[in-house]
């Protein structure tokens, strides 16, 4: 049966990084498994993908990440112990994911940047458009999730899409930054992208966050992309090649995003979701 290349069916989760900003905790615990309240960051990402109508999850892992595979699996002894008790409800969401999602894994043997991590996932994605979620960018929206918003945009534009938000100019050196021409409300046709520019060199203050939709030609472009900032293969550099052909859209998403790759953002997210759950 031929693949419908106009629809997003798969979501890629790069999850091989070391999480050095959370050492020593991440010496033994993958940063993607750090919990906001009672759920690991990666589970929030998978739930966002499911809300967007995606049920095939592709996870790029690395050494010391077995806890990820164990989490998205049955735990017969634990489930036997809590069956019929008041604790059983606590397993409902993860049981639902395990039952209704296909989750596959591949390993990134060397850490060579986000572009390389995405290329490593090609064996799981194949030749079709796909979403990418970076789990340490945790997003919340009382309406549609960020990824749901982007999947709907893809239905219209059928090209690569990056989620962006405005950041202080002094923080542009932490992000990929885009510039271009707005073609609709909150939708920009990207003409220029720079990875982590200093404020004086930044083309705007619109920063890419960890939500992407990519068309499959990105894989061949990444293969031809030379290492850039930090000696890593940057997805920003590969996307710039697509942007030169008018094939990248930037979307100012609706919602709130927390940088859970930083301690400050992690604490902010914990407090936000704690207060939200009390409402």
Protein backbone atom coordinates (compact mmCIF):
# COMPACT_ATOMS: atom_id res chain seq x y z
CA UNK A 1 0.00 0.00 0.00
CA UNK A 2 1.58 3.35 -1.03
CA UNK A 3 2.46 5.90 1.68
CA UNK A 4 0.35 9.05 1.77
CA UNK A 5 3.07 11.71 1.77
CA UNK A 6 0.57 14.47 2.44
CA UNK A 7 -0.03 13.29 6.03
CA UNK A 8 2.08 13.16 9.18
CA UNK A 9 2.02 9.61 10.56
CA UNK A 10 5.29 9.43 12.53
CA UNK A 11 7.03 11.47 15.21
CA UNK A 12 10.77 11.37 15.87
CA UNK A 13 12.15 11.96 19.37
CA UNK A 14 15.92 12.63 19.55
CA UNK A 15 16.79 11.34 23.03
CA UNK A 16 20.48 10.45 22.99
CA UNK A 17 21.94 13.55 24.68
CA UNK A 18 23.83 13.40 27.96
CA UNK A 19 21.80 16.02 29.85
CA UNK A 20 24.93 17.47 31.44
CA UNK A 21 23.08 20.45 32.92
CA UNK A 22 21.31 18.03 35.26
CA UNK A 23 24.33 16.12 36.50
CA UNK A 24 24.71 14.17 38.70
CA UNK A 25 21.05 13.06 38.33
CA UNK A 26 21.50 12.31 34.62
CA UNK A 27 24.48 10.06 35.28
CA UNK A 28 21.97 7.25 35.81
CA UNK A 29 18.64 8.71 34.62
CA UNK A 30 18.08 9.85 31.02
CA UNK A 31 17.20 13.56 31.03
CA UNK A 32 14.09 12.69 28.99
CA UNK A 33 12.89 10.60 31.95
CA UNK A 34 13.12 13.41 34.50
CA UNK A 35 9.57 13.90 35.78
CA UNK A 36 7.41 16.99 35.76
CA UNK A 37 5.20 15.99 38.68
CA UNK A 38 4.55 12.27 38.07
CA UNK A 39 5.23 11.97 34.33
CA UNK A 40 8.57 11.89 32.49
CA UNK A 41 9.23 14.66 29.99
CA UNK A 42 9.25 12.16 27.13
CA UNK A 43 5.76 10.93 28.00
CA UNK A 44 4.42 14.49 27.72
CA UNK A 45 5.97 14.62 24.23
CA UNK A 46 4.44 11.31 23.18
CA UNK A 47 1.03 12.42 24.46
CA UNK A 48 1.34 15.63 22.42
CA UNK A 49 2.12 13.59 19.30
CA UNK A 50 -0.90 11.35 19.95
CA UNK A 51 -3.14 14.37 20.31
CA UNK A 52 -1.93 15.42 16.85
CA UNK A 53 -3.16 12.09 15.44
CA UNK A 54 0.22 10.34 15.40
CA UNK A 55 0.55 6.79 16.72
CA UNK A 56 3.99 5.75 15.40
CA UNK A 57 6.81 7.00 17.63
CA UNK A 58 10.47 6.75 16.61
CA UNK A 59 12.99 7.32 19.40
CA UNK A 60 16.72 7.92 18.87
CA UNK A 61 18.48 6.78 22.03
CA UNK A 62 22.04 6.18 23.18
CA UNK A 63 24.07 4.45 25.85
CA UNK A 64 22.49 4.41 29.30
CA UNK A 65 18.97 5.07 28.00
CA UNK A 66 17.33 1.69 28.65
CA UNK A 67 14.94 3.32 31.13
CA UNK A 68 13.14 4.87 28.14
CA UNK A 69 12.41 1.48 26.60
CA UNK A 70 11.36 0.05 29.96
CA UNK A 71 8.95 2.94 30.55
CA UNK A 72 7.13 2.44 27.24
CA UNK A 73 6.62 -1.27 27.90
CA UNK A 74 4.49 -3.50 30.09
CA UNK A 75 5.62 -4.03 33.68
CA UNK A 76 3.83 -7.24 34.58
CA UNK A 77 4.99 -7.51 38.19
CA UNK A 78 4.10 -3.89 39.01
CA UNK A 79 0.77 -4.10 37.23
CA UNK A 80 -0.09 -7.33 39.02
CA UNK A 81 0.65 -5.67 42.37
CA UNK A 82 -1.63 -2.68 41.76
CA UNK A 83 -4.45 -4.33 39.79
CA UNK A 84 -7.74 -3.71 41.57
CA UNK A 85 -6.27 -1.11 43.93
CA UNK A 86 -6.65 2.66 44.07
CA UNK A 87 -3.20 2.97 42.42
CA UNK A 88 -4.35 1.34 39.17
CA UNK A 89 -5.68 4.64 37.81
CA UNK A 90 -2.15 6.08 37.96
CA UNK A 91 -1.07 3.71 35.18
CA UNK A 92 -3.95 4.50 32.83
CA UNK A 93 -2.14 6.99 30.57
CA UNK A 94 1.02 4.96 30.06
CA UNK A 95 -0.98 1.75 29.55
CA UNK A 96 -2.97 3.55 26.87
CA UNK A 97 0.24 4.61 25.08
CA UNK A 98 1.73 1.11 25.21
CA UNK A 99 -1.49 -0.43 23.90
CA UNK A 100 -2.20 2.01 21.08
CA UNK A 101 1.19 3.22 19.84
CA UNK A 102 3.96 1.60 17.84
CA UNK A 103 7.27 2.64 19.39
CA UNK A 104 10.60 1.81 17.79
CA UNK A 105 14.19 2.67 18.69
CA UNK A 106 17.58 3.18 17.14
CA UNK A 107 20.85 4.30 18.71
CA UNK A 108 22.92 7.37 17.95
CA UNK A 109 26.43 6.02 18.52
CA UNK A 110 28.15 9.41 18.38
CA UNK A 111 26.76 12.75 19.56
CA UNK A 112 27.20 14.98 16.50
CA UNK A 113 24.33 17.42 16.88
CA UNK A 114 20.59 17.52 16.29
CA UNK A 115 20.95 17.23 12.52
CA UNK A 116 22.91 14.00 12.94
CA UNK A 117 20.36 12.67 15.47
CA UNK A 118 17.55 13.28 12.99
CA UNK A 119 19.52 11.59 10.21
CA UNK A 120 20.07 8.60 12.52
CA UNK A 121 16.29 8.30 12.76
CA UNK A 122 15.83 7.88 8.99
CA UNK A 123 15.89 4.11 9.37
CA UNK A 124 12.71 4.43 11.50
CA UNK A 125 11.01 7.17 9.46
CA UNK A 126 11.56 6.10 5.87
CA UNK A 127 10.55 8.28 2.92
CA UNK A 128 7.68 10.34 4.31
CA UNK A 129 7.13 13.65 6.13
CA UNK A 130 7.40 13.47 9.90
CA UNK A 131 7.23 15.46 13.11
CA UNK A 132 10.13 16.01 15.51
CA UNK A 133 9.64 16.70 19.22
CA UNK A 134 12.46 17.65 21.59
CA UNK A 135 11.12 16.45 24.92
CA UNK A 136 12.97 19.02 27.02
CA UNK A 137 10.90 21.75 25.36
CA UNK A 138 7.65 21.14 27.23
CA UNK A 139 4.65 22.94 25.75
CA UNK A 140 1.21 23.58 27.20
CA UNK A 141 -1.94 24.86 25.58
CA UNK A 142 -5.49 24.89 26.86
CA UNK A 143 -6.73 24.41 23.30
CA UNK A 144 -4.85 22.51 20.61
CA UNK A 145 -1.33 21.29 21.29
CA UNK A 146 1.54 22.93 19.41
CA UNK A 147 2.07 19.83 17.28
CA UNK A 148 -1.65 19.66 16.41
CA UNK A 149 -1.48 23.26 15.23
CA UNK A 150 1.55 22.44 13.08
CA UNK A 151 0.04 19.30 11.54
CA UNK A 152 -2.92 21.39 10.40
CA UNK A 153 -0.51 23.92 8.86
CA UNK A 154 1.26 21.11 7.02
CA UNK A 155 -2.05 20.11 5.47
CA UNK A 156 -2.10 23.58 3.90
CA UNK A 157 1.54 24.26 3.03
CA UNK A 158 3.04 20.76 2.49
CA UNK A 159 6.57 21.85 3.43
CA UNK A 160 8.89 21.85 6.43
CA UNK A 161 7.65 23.84 9.43
CA UNK A 162 9.49 25.11 12.51
CA UNK A 163 7.78 26.41 15.64
CA UNK A 164 9.14 29.79 16.76
CA UNK A 165 8.66 32.23 19.59
CA UNK A 166 9.98 35.69 20.36
CA UNK A 167 12.94 35.74 22.76
CA UNK A 168 14.99 38.60 24.22
CA UNK A 169 17.72 39.63 21.77
CA UNK A 170 20.39 38.85 24.36
CA UNK A 171 19.24 35.20 24.29
CA UNK A 172 19.51 34.60 20.52
CA UNK A 173 22.85 32.84 21.03
CA UNK A 174 20.93 29.91 22.58
CA UNK A 175 18.71 29.17 19.56
CA UNK A 176 18.38 28.83 15.85
CA UNK A 177 16.96 32.17 14.66
CA UNK A 178 14.81 32.78 11.56
CA UNK A 179 13.86 35.70 9.35
CA UNK A 180 11.53 36.03 6.40
CA UNK A 181 8.19 37.41 5.27
CA UNK A 182 4.85 36.88 7.00
CA UNK A 183 2.35 35.35 4.58
CA UNK A 184 -0.50 34.86 7.07
CA UNK A 185 -1.24 35.46 10.74
CA UNK A 186 1.71 34.05 12.69
CA UNK A 187 3.00 32.24 9.56
CA UNK A 188 6.31 33.29 7.96
CA UNK A 189 7.96 32.07 4.77
CA UNK A 190 11.56 31.67 5.95
CA UNK A 191 14.34 33.20 3.87
CA UNK A 192 17.18 33.14 6.39
CA UNK A 193 18.21 31.02 9.39
CA UNK A 194 21.23 31.28 11.68
CA UNK A 195 22.32 28.90 14.44
CA UNK A 196 22.93 30.60 17.80
CA UNK A 197 23.87 34.08 16.55
CA UNK A 198 25.08 36.80 18.89
CA UNK A 199 22.48 39.52 19.32
CA UNK A 200 24.31 41.94 17.00
CA UNK A 201 24.23 39.32 14.21
CA UNK A 202 20.71 37.96 14.77
CA UNK A 203 18.35 38.49 11.81
CA UNK A 204 15.38 38.71 14.21
CA UNK A 205 14.34 37.64 17.69
CA UNK A 206 12.26 34.69 16.44
CA UNK A 207 13.81 31.56 17.89
CA UNK A 208 13.15 27.96 16.86
CA UNK A 209 11.90 25.73 19.66
CA UNK A 210 11.77 21.94 19.81
CA UNK A 211 8.88 21.30 17.43
CA UNK A 212 9.43 20.59 13.73
CA UNK A 213 7.67 19.04 10.79
CA UNK A 214 10.17 17.93 8.15
CA UNK A 215 9.83 16.63 4.62
CA UNK A 216 11.90 13.53 3.79
CA UNK A 217 14.31 15.32 1.44
CA UNK A 218 15.86 16.72 4.63
CA UNK A 219 17.78 13.47 5.07
CA UNK A 220 19.81 13.88 1.88
CA UNK A 221 20.41 17.54 2.71
CA UNK A 222 21.72 16.62 6.17
CA UNK A 223 24.14 14.15 4.58
CA UNK A 224 25.64 17.01 2.58
CA UNK A 225 25.65 19.45 5.51
CA UNK A 226 29.08 20.17 6.95
CA UNK A 227 29.57 20.54 10.71
CA UNK A 228 28.74 24.07 11.83
CA UNK A 229 28.43 25.78 15.21
CA UNK A 230 30.24 23.76 17.88
CA UNK A 231 31.52 21.28 15.30
CA UNK A 232 28.07 19.66 15.15
CA UNK A 233 25.74 18.96 12.23
CA UNK A 234 23.02 21.52 12.77
CA UNK A 235 19.46 20.99 11.58
CA UNK A 236 19.28 24.78 11.14
CA UNK A 237 21.95 24.62 8.42
CA UNK A 238 20.08 21.85 6.61
CA UNK A 239 16.77 23.70 6.85
CA UNK A 240 18.42 26.80 5.38
CA UNK A 241 18.96 24.83 2.16
CA UNK A 242 15.23 24.08 2.04
CA UNK A 243 14.45 27.71 2.88
CA UNK A 244 16.45 28.88 -0.14
CA UNK A 245 13.86 27.01 -2.23
CA UNK A 246 10.95 28.60 -0.33
CA UNK A 247 10.17 25.31 1.39
CA UNK A 248 10.27 26.26 5.09
CA UNK A 249 7.52 27.89 7.13
CA UNK A 250 8.00 29.37 10.61
CA UNK A 251 4.96 29.35 12.87
CA UNK A 252 4.45 31.52 15.95
CA UNK A 253 2.58 28.88 17.91
CA UNK A 254 -0.18 29.43 20.43
CA UNK A 255 0.74 28.18 23.87
CA UNK A 256 3.37 28.30 26.57
CA UNK A 257 6.78 26.67 26.33
CA UNK A 258 9.17 25.68 29.12
CA UNK A 259 12.87 25.04 28.56
CA UNK A 260 13.16 21.94 30.74
CA UNK A 261 16.73 21.46 29.56
CA UNK A 262 17.61 24.17 32.08
CA UNK A 263 17.12 23.95 35.84
CA UNK A 264 15.22 27.24 35.92
CA UNK A 265 12.81 26.13 33.18
CA UNK A 266 12.37 22.73 34.80
CA UNK A 267 11.36 24.34 38.10
CA UNK A 268 9.02 26.78 36.32
CA UNK A 269 7.32 23.89 34.51
CA UNK A 270 6.96 21.91 37.72
CA UNK A 271 5.31 24.85 39.49
CA UNK A 272 3.07 25.62 36.49
CA UNK A 273 1.75 22.07 36.12
CA UNK A 274 1.37 21.66 39.87
CA UNK A 275 -0.83 24.75 40.06
CA UNK A 276 -2.71 23.77 36.88
CA UNK A 277 -3.50 20.31 38.27
CA UNK A 278 -4.86 21.87 41.46
CA UNK A 279 -7.42 23.93 39.54
